[in-house]
Structure formats: C-alpha cells, structure tokens
Amino acid sequence: KAIAGICEGQTSGHVSMGGEPLLGLPAHKVVEQGIALV
C-alpha cells in the first residue's frame, strides 16, 4: 500500500520507479509511473 500510494499511515523513506520518486504521490500518479496493484 505504501508503494502504491494508498497507505493511510505516516510514511518516510524513498520509493522510486525508474529513478522517479513515488513516495507521497496519489495512487493514480503511481499507476502512471508503471506500478499496478492487485
């Protein structure tokens, strides 16, 4: 959930996809970066 951008808790650290930072982005922006969650 933290990677997908749908975690309700407080997050810190670094998550990136192809060098693009993802942590803190809304879920639909994370999907646009190429990550999908089932």
PDB file of all heavy atoms in Angstrom:
ATOM      1  N   LYS A   1       0.825  -1.210   0.000  1.00  0.00           N
ATOM      2  CA  LYS A   1       0.000   0.000   0.000  1.00  0.00           C
ATOM      3  C   LYS A   1       0.862   1.263   0.000  1.00  0.00           C
ATOM      4  O   LYS A   1       0.510   2.253  -0.652  1.00  0.00           O
ATOM      5  CB  LYS A   1      -0.932  -0.006   1.209  1.00  0.00           C
ATOM      6  CG  LYS A   1      -2.032  -1.057   1.136  1.00  0.00           C
ATOM      7  CD  LYS A   1      -2.897  -1.042   2.386  1.00  0.00           C
ATOM      8  CE  LYS A   1      -3.989  -2.091   2.321  1.00  0.00           C
ATOM      9  NZ  LYS A   1      -4.831  -2.098   3.558  1.00  0.00           N
ATOM     10  N   ALA A   2       1.957   1.242   0.735  1.00  0.00           N
ATOM     11  CA  ALA A   2       2.840   2.409   0.765  1.00  0.00           C
ATOM     12  C   ALA A   2       3.450   2.663  -0.607  1.00  0.00           C
ATOM     13  O   ALA A   2       3.559   3.817  -1.055  1.00  0.00           O
ATOM     14  CB  ALA A   2       3.937   2.206   1.806  1.00  0.00           C
ATOM     15  N   ILE A   3       3.833   1.602  -1.308  1.00  0.00           N
ATOM     16  CA  ILE A   3       4.390   1.754  -2.652  1.00  0.00           C
ATOM     17  C   ILE A   3       3.321   2.264  -3.617  1.00  0.00           C
ATOM     18  O   ILE A   3       3.589   3.128  -4.471  1.00  0.00           O
ATOM     19  CB  ILE A   3       4.974   0.424  -3.146  1.00  0.00           C
ATOM     20  CG1 ILE A   3       6.149  -0.003  -2.260  1.00  0.00           C
ATOM     21  CG2 ILE A   3       5.416   0.525  -4.603  1.00  0.00           C
ATOM     22  CD1 ILE A   3       6.677  -1.393  -2.562  1.00  0.00           C
ATOM     23  N   ALA A   4       2.084   1.744  -3.482  1.00  0.00           N
ATOM     24  CA  ALA A   4       1.004   2.100  -4.405  1.00  0.00           C
ATOM     25  C   ALA A   4       0.394   3.460  -4.126  1.00  0.00           C
ATOM     26  O   ALA A   4      -0.426   3.942  -4.914  1.00  0.00           O
ATOM     27  CB  ALA A   4      -0.080   1.028  -4.358  1.00  0.00           C
ATOM     28  N   GLY A   5       0.740   4.088  -2.997  1.00  0.00           N
ATOM     29  CA  GLY A   5       0.212   5.405  -2.689  1.00  0.00           C
ATOM     30  C   GLY A   5      -1.152   5.397  -2.039  1.00  0.00           C
ATOM     31  O   GLY A   5      -1.869   6.405  -2.074  1.00  0.00           O
ATOM     32  N   ILE A   6      -1.550   4.289  -1.424  1.00  0.00           N
ATOM     33  CA  ILE A   6      -2.865   4.208  -0.774  1.00  0.00           C
ATOM     34  C   ILE A   6      -2.734   3.912   0.719  1.00  0.00           C
ATOM     35  O   ILE A   6      -3.707   3.516   1.360  1.00  0.00           O
ATOM     36  CB  ILE A   6      -3.761   3.144  -1.438  1.00  0.00           C
ATOM     37  CG1 ILE A   6      -3.100   1.765  -1.386  1.00  0.00           C
ATOM     38  CG2 ILE A   6      -4.080   3.537  -2.880  1.00  0.00           C
ATOM     39  CD1 ILE A   6      -3.994   0.641  -1.899  1.00  0.00           C
ATOM     40  N   CYS A   7      -1.560   4.092   1.272  1.00  0.00           N
ATOM     41  CA  CYS A   7      -1.354   3.840   2.699  1.00  0.00           C
ATOM     42  C   CYS A   7      -1.854   5.036   3.504  1.00  0.00           C
ATOM     43  O   CYS A   7      -1.550   6.193   3.188  1.00  0.00           O
ATOM     44  CB  CYS A   7       0.126   3.589   2.972  1.00  0.00           C
ATOM     45  SG  CYS A   7       0.498   3.250   4.708  1.00  0.00           S
ATOM     46  N   GLU A   8      -2.625   4.770   4.549  1.00  0.00           N
ATOM     47  CA  GLU A   8      -3.178   5.832   5.382  1.00  0.00           C
ATOM     48  C   GLU A   8      -2.251   6.249   6.517  1.00  0.00           C
ATOM     49  O   GLU A   8      -2.538   7.222   7.216  1.00  0.00           O
ATOM     50  CB  GLU A   8      -4.530   5.385   5.951  1.00  0.00           C
ATOM     51  CG  GLU A   8      -5.587   5.107   4.887  1.00  0.00           C
ATOM     52  CD  GLU A   8      -6.889   4.633   5.469  1.00  0.00           C
ATOM     53  OE1 GLU A   8      -6.931   4.413   6.711  1.00  0.00           O
ATOM     54  OE2 GLU A   8      -7.874   4.475   4.725  1.00  0.00           O
ATOM     55  N   GLY A   9      -1.172   5.528   6.717  1.00  0.00           N
ATOM     56  CA  GLY A   9      -0.245   5.872   7.783  1.00  0.00           C
ATOM     57  C   GLY A   9       0.748   6.940   7.358  1.00  0.00           C
ATOM     58  O   GLY A   9       0.753   7.410   6.203  1.00  0.00           O
ATOM     59  N   GLN A  10       1.593   7.324   8.286  1.00  0.00           N
ATOM     60  CA  GLN A  10       2.653   8.291   8.001  1.00  0.00           C
ATOM     61  C   GLN A  10       3.851   7.554   7.426  1.00  0.00           C
ATOM     62  O   GLN A  10       4.354   6.603   8.023  1.00  0.00           O
ATOM     63  CB  GLN A  10       3.047   9.024   9.289  1.00  0.00           C
ATOM     64  CG  GLN A  10       1.921   9.850   9.900  1.00  0.00           C
ATOM     65  CD  GLN A  10       2.332  10.493  11.207  1.00  0.00           C
ATOM     66  OE1 GLN A  10       3.309  10.089  11.827  1.00  0.00           O
ATOM     67  NE2 GLN A  10       1.587  11.505  11.623  1.00  0.00           N
ATOM     68  N   THR A  11       4.301   7.989   6.242  1.00  0.00           N
ATOM     69  CA  THR A  11       5.384   7.298   5.551  1.00  0.00           C
ATOM     70  C   THR A  11       6.630   8.171   5.474  1.00  0.00           C
ATOM     71  O   THR A  11       6.552   9.403   5.444  1.00  0.00           O
ATOM     72  CB  THR A  11       4.956   6.916   4.122  1.00  0.00           C
ATOM     73  OG1 THR A  11       4.599   8.102   3.402  1.00  0.00           O
ATOM     74  CG2 THR A  11       3.756   5.969   4.149  1.00  0.00           C
ATOM     75  N   SER A  12       7.771   7.496   5.424  1.00  0.00           N
ATOM     76  CA  SER A  12       9.053   8.181   5.224  1.00  0.00           C
ATOM     77  C   SER A  12       9.993   7.219   4.537  1.00  0.00           C
ATOM     78  O   SER A  12       9.776   6.001   4.532  1.00  0.00           O
ATOM     79  CB  SER A  12       9.641   8.648   6.562  1.00  0.00           C
ATOM     80  OG  SER A  12       9.922   7.540   7.407  1.00  0.00           O
ATOM     81  N   GLY A  13      11.044   7.745   3.940  1.00  0.00           N
ATOM     82  CA  GLY A  13      11.984   6.917   3.206  1.00  0.00           C
ATOM     83  C   GLY A  13      11.960   7.269   1.733  1.00  0.00           C
ATOM     84  O   GLY A  13      11.588   8.387   1.342  1.00  0.00           O
ATOM     85  N   HIS A  14      12.325   6.299   0.891  1.00  0.00           N
ATOM     86  CA  HIS A  14      12.421   6.567  -0.546  1.00  0.00           C
ATOM     87  C   HIS A  14      11.825   5.398  -1.330  1.00  0.00           C
ATOM     88  O   HIS A  14      12.166   4.238  -1.078  1.00  0.00           O
ATOM     89  CB  HIS A  14      13.883   6.764  -0.954  1.00  0.00           C
ATOM     90  CG  HIS A  14      14.577   7.846  -0.189  1.00  0.00           C
ATOM     91  ND1 HIS A  14      14.449   9.183  -0.501  1.00  0.00           N
ATOM     92  CD2 HIS A  14      15.395   7.785   0.891  1.00  0.00           C
ATOM     93  CE1 HIS A  14      15.161   9.904   0.345  1.00  0.00           C
ATOM     94  NE2 HIS A  14      15.744   9.076   1.207  1.00  0.00           N
ATOM     95  N   VAL A  15      10.945   5.734  -2.283  1.00  0.00           N
ATOM     96  CA  VAL A  15      10.387   4.767  -3.222  1.00  0.00           C
ATOM     97  C   VAL A  15      10.488   5.399  -4.605  1.00  0.00           C
ATOM     98  O   VAL A  15      10.016   6.525  -4.809  1.00  0.00           O
ATOM     99  CB  VAL A  15       8.919   4.425  -2.913  1.00  0.00           C
ATOM    100  CG1 VAL A  15       8.365   3.454  -3.954  1.00  0.00           C
ATOM    101  CG2 VAL A  15       8.780   3.835  -1.516  1.00  0.00           C
ATOM    102  N   SER A  16      11.086   4.670  -5.548  1.00  0.00           N
ATOM    103  CA  SER A  16      11.243   5.232  -6.892  1.00  0.00           C
ATOM    104  C   SER A  16      11.026   4.159  -7.940  1.00  0.00           C
ATOM    105  O   SER A  16      11.233   2.962  -7.697  1.00  0.00           O
ATOM    106  CB  SER A  16      12.633   5.847  -7.062  1.00  0.00           C
ATOM    107  OG  SER A  16      13.646   4.853  -6.943  1.00  0.00           O
ATOM    108  N   MET A  17      10.602   4.611  -9.123  1.00  0.00           N
ATOM    109  CA  MET A  17      10.393   3.723 -10.262  1.00  0.00           C
ATOM    110  C   MET A  17      11.135   4.319 -11.448  1.00  0.00           C
ATOM    111  O   MET A  17      10.800   5.408 -11.925  1.00  0.00           O
ATOM    112  CB  MET A  17       8.901   3.591 -10.572  1.00  0.00           C
ATOM    113  CG  MET A  17       8.603   2.687 -11.744  1.00  0.00           C
ATOM    114  SD  MET A  17       9.053   0.975 -11.383  1.00  0.00           S
ATOM    115  CE  MET A  17       9.003   0.300 -13.033  1.00  0.00           C
ATOM    116  N   GLY A  18      12.170   3.613 -11.895  1.00  0.00           N
ATOM    117  CA  GLY A  18      12.989   4.134 -12.976  1.00  0.00           C
ATOM    118  C   GLY A  18      13.659   5.447 -12.628  1.00  0.00           C
ATOM    119  O   GLY A  18      13.880   6.297 -13.502  1.00  0.00           O
ATOM    120  N   GLY A  19      13.957   5.631 -11.350  1.00  0.00           N
ATOM    121  CA  GLY A  19      14.607   6.852 -10.900  1.00  0.00           C
ATOM    122  C   GLY A  19      13.653   7.958 -10.517  1.00  0.00           C
ATOM    123  O   GLY A  19      14.072   8.976  -9.945  1.00  0.00           O
ATOM    124  N   GLU A  20      12.355   7.806 -10.802  1.00  0.00           N
ATOM    125  CA  GLU A  20      11.357   8.820 -10.464  1.00  0.00           C
ATOM    126  C   GLU A  20      10.790   8.556  -9.073  1.00  0.00           C
ATOM    127  O   GLU A  20      10.287   7.457  -8.802  1.00  0.00           O
ATOM    128  CB  GLU A  20      10.221   8.822 -11.485  1.00  0.00           C
ATOM    129  CG  GLU A  20      10.635   9.247 -12.886  1.00  0.00           C
ATOM    130  CD  GLU A  20      11.047  10.705 -12.937  1.00  0.00           C
ATOM    131  OE1 GLU A  20      10.459  11.507 -12.177  1.00  0.00           O
ATOM    132  OE2 GLU A  20      11.957  11.032 -13.719  1.00  0.00           O
ATOM    133  N   PRO A  21      10.856   9.545  -8.177  1.00  0.00           N
ATOM    134  CA  PRO A  21      10.332   9.320  -6.808  1.00  0.00           C
ATOM    135  C   PRO A  21       8.817   9.146  -6.817  1.00  0.00           C
ATOM    136  O   PRO A  21       8.100   9.842  -7.546  1.00  0.00           O
ATOM    137  CB  PRO A  21      10.751  10.591  -6.063  1.00  0.00           C
ATOM    138  CG  PRO A  21      10.946  11.626  -7.121  1.00  0.00           C
ATOM    139  CD  PRO A  21      11.406  10.905  -8.335  1.00  0.00           C
ATOM    140  N   LEU A  22       8.349   8.208  -6.000  1.00  0.00           N
ATOM    141  CA  LEU A  22       6.920   7.899  -5.934  1.00  0.00           C
ATOM    142  C   LEU A  22       6.301   8.216  -4.581  1.00  0.00           C
ATOM    143  O   LEU A  22       5.087   8.452  -4.507  1.00  0.00           O
ATOM    144  CB  LEU A  22       6.686   6.413  -6.231  1.00  0.00           C
ATOM    145  CG  LEU A  22       7.160   5.862  -7.576  1.00  0.00           C
ATOM    146  CD1 LEU A  22       6.825   4.381  -7.663  1.00  0.00           C
ATOM    147  CD2 LEU A  22       6.536   6.630  -8.728  1.00  0.00           C
ATOM    148  N   LEU A  23       7.074   8.182  -3.520  1.00  0.00           N
ATOM    149  CA  LEU A  23       6.506   8.326  -2.181  1.00  0.00           C
ATOM    150  C   LEU A  23       5.833   9.686  -2.032  1.00  0.00           C
ATOM    151  O   LEU A  23       6.433  10.727  -2.308  1.00  0.00           O
ATOM    152  CB  LEU A  23       7.594   8.165  -1.129  1.00  0.00           C
ATOM    153  CG  LEU A  23       7.106   7.850   0.298  1.00  0.00           C
ATOM    154  CD1 LEU A  23       6.379   6.514   0.325  1.00  0.00           C
ATOM    155  CD2 LEU A  23       8.280   7.822   1.266  1.00  0.00           C
ATOM    156  N   GLY A  24       4.594   9.663  -1.610  1.00  0.00           N
ATOM    157  CA  GLY A  24       3.836  10.894  -1.446  1.00  0.00           C
ATOM    158  C   GLY A  24       2.942  11.222  -2.623  1.00  0.00           C
ATOM    159  O   GLY A  24       2.076  12.103  -2.518  1.00  0.00           O
ATOM    160  N   LEU A  25       3.086  10.502  -3.754  1.00  0.00           N
ATOM    161  CA  LEU A  25       2.217  10.742  -4.905  1.00  0.00           C
ATOM    162  C   LEU A  25       0.864  10.084  -4.690  1.00  0.00           C
ATOM    163  O   LEU A  25       0.765   9.040  -4.038  1.00  0.00           O
ATOM    164  CB  LEU A  25       2.849  10.185  -6.184  1.00  0.00           C
ATOM    165  CG  LEU A  25       4.125  10.837  -6.697  1.00  0.00           C
ATOM    166  CD1 LEU A  25       4.577  10.145  -7.977  1.00  0.00           C
ATOM    167  CD2 LEU A  25       3.901  12.323  -6.942  1.00  0.00           C
ATOM    168  N   PRO A  26      -0.225  10.635  -5.247  1.00  0.00           N
ATOM    169  CA  PRO A  26      -1.524   9.963  -5.190  1.00  0.00           C
ATOM    170  C   PRO A  26      -1.492   8.685  -6.012  1.00  0.00           C
ATOM    171  O   PRO A  26      -0.634   8.502  -6.889  1.00  0.00           O
ATOM    172  CB  PRO A  26      -2.486  11.000  -5.778  1.00  0.00           C
ATOM    173  CG  PRO A  26      -1.636  11.897  -6.607  1.00  0.00           C
ATOM    174  CD  PRO A  26      -0.300  11.940  -5.934  1.00  0.00           C
ATOM    175  N   ALA A  27      -2.442   7.810  -5.744  1.00  0.00           N
ATOM    176  CA  ALA A  27      -2.423   6.473  -6.333  1.00  0.00           C
ATOM    177  C   ALA A  27      -2.433   6.508  -7.858  1.00  0.00           C
ATOM    178  O   ALA A  27      -1.716   5.733  -8.513  1.00  0.00           O
ATOM    179  CB  ALA A  27      -3.597   5.667  -5.813  1.00  0.00           C
ATOM    180  N   HIS A  28      -3.225   7.385  -8.467  1.00  0.00           N
ATOM    181  CA  HIS A  28      -3.309   7.381  -9.930  1.00  0.00           C
ATOM    182  C   HIS A  28      -1.998   7.837 -10.564  1.00  0.00           C
ATOM    183  O   HIS A  28      -1.657   7.419 -11.675  1.00  0.00           O
ATOM    184  CB  HIS A  28      -4.480   8.250 -10.410  1.00  0.00           C
ATOM    185  CG  HIS A  28      -4.302   9.711 -10.190  1.00  0.00           C
ATOM    186  ND1 HIS A  28      -4.524  10.315  -8.968  1.00  0.00           N
ATOM    187  CD2 HIS A  28      -3.915  10.713 -11.045  1.00  0.00           C
ATOM    188  CE1 HIS A  28      -4.291  11.607  -9.070  1.00  0.00           C
ATOM    189  NE2 HIS A  28      -3.924  11.878 -10.327  1.00  0.00           N
ATOM    190  N   LYS A  29      -1.241   8.681  -9.874  1.00  0.00           N
ATOM    191  CA  LYS A  29       0.069   9.083 -10.378  1.00  0.00           C
ATOM    192  C   LYS A  29       1.075   7.932 -10.303  1.00  0.00           C
ATOM    193  O   LYS A  29       1.946   7.794 -11.170  1.00  0.00           O
ATOM    194  CB  LYS A  29       0.595  10.277  -9.585  1.00  0.00           C
ATOM    195  CG  LYS A  29      -0.207  11.560  -9.772  1.00  0.00           C
ATOM    196  CD  LYS A  29      -0.033  12.116 -11.178  1.00  0.00           C
ATOM    197  CE  LYS A  29      -0.729  13.460 -11.320  1.00  0.00           C
ATOM    198  NZ  LYS A  29      -0.592  14.012 -12.710  1.00  0.00           N
ATOM    199  N   VAL A  30       0.956   7.114  -9.280  1.00  0.00           N
ATOM    200  CA  VAL A  30       1.829   5.946  -9.157  1.00  0.00           C
ATOM    201  C   VAL A  30       1.556   4.967 -10.301  1.00  0.00           C
ATOM    202  O   VAL A  30       2.491   4.392 -10.886  1.00  0.00           O
ATOM    203  CB  VAL A  30       1.619   5.259  -7.790  1.00  0.00           C
ATOM    204  CG1 VAL A  30       2.415   3.958  -7.707  1.00  0.00           C
ATOM    205  CG2 VAL A  30       2.016   6.198  -6.651  1.00  0.00           C
ATOM    206  N   VAL A  31       0.266   4.790 -10.632  1.00  0.00           N
ATOM    207  CA  VAL A  31      -0.082   3.912 -11.754  1.00  0.00           C
ATOM    208  C   VAL A  31       0.509   4.446 -13.052  1.00  0.00           C
ATOM    209  O   VAL A  31       1.008   3.683 -13.890  1.00  0.00           O
ATOM    210  CB  VAL A  31      -1.613   3.772 -11.862  1.00  0.00           C
ATOM    211  CG1 VAL A  31      -1.995   2.974 -13.115  1.00  0.00           C
ATOM    212  CG2 VAL A  31      -2.183   3.099 -10.624  1.00  0.00           C
ATOM    213  N   GLU A  32       0.496   5.753 -13.233  1.00  0.00           N
ATOM    214  CA  GLU A  32       1.052   6.355 -14.445  1.00  0.00           C
ATOM    215  C   GLU A  32       2.557   6.123 -14.552  1.00  0.00           C
ATOM    216  O   GLU A  32       3.127   6.140 -15.645  1.00  0.00           O
ATOM    217  CB  GLU A  32       0.774   7.861 -14.471  1.00  0.00           C
ATOM    218  CG  GLU A  32      -0.693   8.237 -14.608  1.00  0.00           C
ATOM    219  CD  GLU A  32      -1.247   7.936 -15.994  1.00  0.00           C
ATOM    220  OE1 GLU A  32      -0.488   7.471 -16.873  1.00  0.00           O
ATOM    221  OE2 GLU A  32      -2.453   8.162 -16.209  1.00  0.00           O
ATOM    222  N   GLN A  33       3.213   5.867 -13.421  1.00  0.00           N
ATOM    223  CA  GLN A  33       4.646   5.594 -13.427  1.00  0.00           C
ATOM    224  C   GLN A  33       4.953   4.118 -13.715  1.00  0.00           C
ATOM    225  O   GLN A  33       6.122   3.744 -13.804  1.00  0.00           O
ATOM    226  CB  GLN A  33       5.269   5.995 -12.088  1.00  0.00           C
ATOM    227  CG  GLN A  33       5.227   7.486 -11.817  1.00  0.00           C
ATOM    228  CD  GLN A  33       6.048   8.279 -12.826  1.00  0.00           C
ATOM    229  OE1 GLN A  33       7.101   7.825 -13.275  1.00  0.00           O
ATOM    230  NE2 GLN A  33       5.561   9.467 -13.180  1.00  0.00           N
ATOM    231  N   GLY A  34       3.907   3.307 -13.853  1.00  0.00           N
ATOM    232  CA  GLY A  34       4.125   1.921 -14.263  1.00  0.00           C
ATOM    233  C   GLY A  34       4.005   0.886 -13.160  1.00  0.00           C
ATOM    234  O   GLY A  34       4.545  -0.221 -13.302  1.00  0.00           O
ATOM    235  N   ILE A  35       3.292   1.212 -12.081  1.00  0.00           N
ATOM    236  CA  ILE A  35       3.096   0.247 -10.989  1.00  0.00           C
ATOM    237  C   ILE A  35       1.598   0.006 -10.806  1.00  0.00           C
ATOM    238  O   ILE A  35       0.817   0.957 -10.682  1.00  0.00           O
ATOM    239  CB  ILE A  35       3.708   0.757  -9.674  1.00  0.00           C
ATOM    240  CG1 ILE A  35       5.224   0.870  -9.815  1.00  0.00           C
ATOM    241  CG2 ILE A  35       3.360  -0.179  -8.515  1.00  0.00           C
ATOM    242  CD1 ILE A  35       5.919   1.371  -8.577  1.00  0.00           C
ATOM    243  N   ALA A  36       1.193  -1.262 -10.813  1.00  0.00           N
ATOM    244  CA  ALA A  36      -0.205  -1.630 -10.637  1.00  0.00           C
ATOM    245  C   ALA A  36      -0.328  -2.610  -9.471  1.00  0.00           C
ATOM    246  O   ALA A  36       0.524  -3.495  -9.308  1.00  0.00           O
ATOM    247  CB  ALA A  36      -0.775  -2.254 -11.909  1.00  0.00           C
ATOM    248  N   LEU A  37      -1.376  -2.458  -8.695  1.00  0.00           N
ATOM    249  CA  LEU A  37      -1.606  -3.291  -7.514  1.00  0.00           C
ATOM    250  C   LEU A  37      -2.883  -4.106  -7.684  1.00  0.00           C
ATOM    251  O   LEU A  37      -3.939  -3.557  -8.019  1.00  0.00           O
ATOM    252  CB  LEU A  37      -1.718  -2.426  -6.255  1.00  0.00           C
ATOM    253  CG  LEU A  37      -2.180  -3.134  -4.976  1.00  0.00           C
ATOM    254  CD1 LEU A  37      -1.160  -4.180  -4.527  1.00  0.00           C
ATOM    255  CD2 LEU A  37      -2.440  -2.121  -3.862  1.00  0.00           C
ATOM    256  N   VAL A  38      -2.783  -5.416  -7.447  1.00  0.00           N
ATOM    257  CA  VAL A  38      -3.954  -6.285  -7.343  1.00  0.00           C
ATOM    258  C   VAL A  38      -4.193  -6.482  -5.853  1.00  0.00           C
ATOM    259  O   VAL A  38      -3.454  -7.220  -5.194  1.00  0.00           O
ATOM    260  CB  VAL A  38      -3.732  -7.640  -8.034  1.00  0.00           C
ATOM    261  CG1 VAL A  38      -4.974  -8.516  -7.898  1.00  0.00           C
ATOM    262  CG2 VAL A  38      -3.377  -7.434  -9.501  1.00  0.00           C
TER     263      VAL A  38
END
